[in-house]
Structures are given as structure tokens and as C-alpha cells.
Amino acid sequence: MVHIYIRVYIDEINKKAYIIGMVSNKSFKNNLTIKHMRQKNKSENALYLATNLKNGVCIKLLSKLSF
């Protein structure tokens, strides 16, 4: 697994991306759940590993994460 995961919101209309937050791989693995994130006609039966955004930290704290 990678060291960190970054959540990004893509605004396709305005062609912009916003970094929402990040989570370390340790926090991700310790707090993960398996869930469906259904979207019609796309990955309707796929299972995903996910964690709540509250388990992440502000991107400004990137330099303070320990790996």
C-alpha cells in the first residue's frame, strides 16, 4: 500500500480539482470498511475498501505524518 491516500473532488464543469483531505495508510488500514459505492452503469457490483473522512487529516499536516 502507498504511504498516504489523498481525496480529491473533481469539478468537471469548471475543470478544477480540490484536495479535500488525506489519510495515512496506517489509519486507513486500522479503520477500513468494505462497502458498495453504487453508480448506475458503472461498478454496480464492485466492493471497495473505504474509511471515513474523519480518520484523515488536513493536507497542511502532510509534513507531520509519520510513515
Protein backbone atom coordinates (compact mmCIF):
# COMPACT_ATOMS: atom_id res chain seq x y z
CA MET A 1 0.00 0.00 0.00
CA VAL A 2 1.08 3.58 -0.55
CA HIS A 3 2.06 5.89 2.32
CA ILE A 4 -0.92 8.24 2.04
CA TYR A 5 -4.22 8.43 0.23
CA ILE A 6 -5.49 11.80 -0.95
CA ARG A 7 -9.16 12.52 -1.57
CA VAL A 8 -9.80 14.85 -4.48
CA TYR A 9 -13.09 16.36 -5.66
CA ILE A 10 -13.21 16.95 -9.42
CA ASP A 11 -15.37 19.79 -10.73
CA GLU A 12 -15.67 18.75 -14.37
CA ILE A 13 -17.76 21.75 -15.40
CA ASN A 14 -15.16 24.30 -14.25
CA LYS A 15 -12.19 21.99 -14.91
CA LYS A 16 -10.86 22.26 -11.35
CA ALA A 17 -9.77 19.80 -8.69
CA TYR A 18 -9.98 20.33 -4.93
CA ILE A 19 -7.94 18.40 -2.38
CA ILE A 20 -10.40 17.53 0.38
CA GLY A 21 -8.10 15.68 2.75
CA MET A 22 -5.75 12.77 3.21
CA VAL A 23 -5.30 9.70 5.35
CA SER A 24 -2.16 7.73 6.18
CA ASN A 25 -2.03 4.09 5.15
CA LYS A 26 -1.83 3.08 8.83
CA SER A 27 -5.01 4.97 9.71
CA PHE A 28 -6.69 3.68 6.56
CA LYS A 29 -5.86 0.04 7.34
CA ASN A 30 -6.85 0.38 11.01
CA ASN A 31 -10.24 1.94 10.21
CA LEU A 32 -11.29 0.43 6.90
CA THR A 33 -14.67 -0.93 5.94
CA ILE A 34 -15.79 -2.86 2.88
CA LYS A 35 -18.67 -1.22 1.07
CA HIS A 36 -20.58 -0.82 -2.16
CA MET A 37 -20.42 2.59 -3.83
CA ARG A 38 -23.01 2.01 -6.48
CA GLN A 39 -23.21 4.20 -9.52
CA LYS A 40 -25.66 3.27 -12.24
CA ASN A 41 -23.99 1.59 -15.23
CA LYS A 42 -20.58 1.76 -13.54
CA SER A 43 -19.12 -0.67 -11.00
CA GLU A 44 -22.57 -1.54 -9.67
CA ASN A 45 -21.37 -4.78 -8.08
CA ALA A 46 -17.85 -3.73 -7.07
CA LEU A 47 -16.66 -3.76 -3.47
CA TYR A 48 -14.35 -1.04 -2.20
CA LEU A 49 -12.11 -0.57 0.81
CA ALA A 50 -13.07 2.74 2.40
CA THR A 51 -12.63 4.80 5.54
CA ASN A 52 -14.49 7.75 6.98
CA LEU A 53 -13.06 11.19 6.20
CA LYS A 54 -12.86 11.90 9.93
CA ASN A 55 -9.96 9.38 10.02
CA GLY A 56 -7.96 11.67 7.75
CA VAL A 57 -6.14 14.93 8.35
CA CYS A 58 -5.87 18.32 6.69
CA ILE A 59 -3.43 18.39 3.75
CA LYS A 60 -1.49 21.11 5.60
CA LEU A 61 -0.35 18.42 8.05
CA LEU A 62 1.33 16.29 5.37
CA SER A 63 4.81 17.05 6.69
CA LYS A 64 3.80 15.89 10.19
CA LEU A 65 2.73 12.38 9.16
CA SER A 66 5.00 9.54 10.18
CA PHE A 67 5.32 6.59 7.83
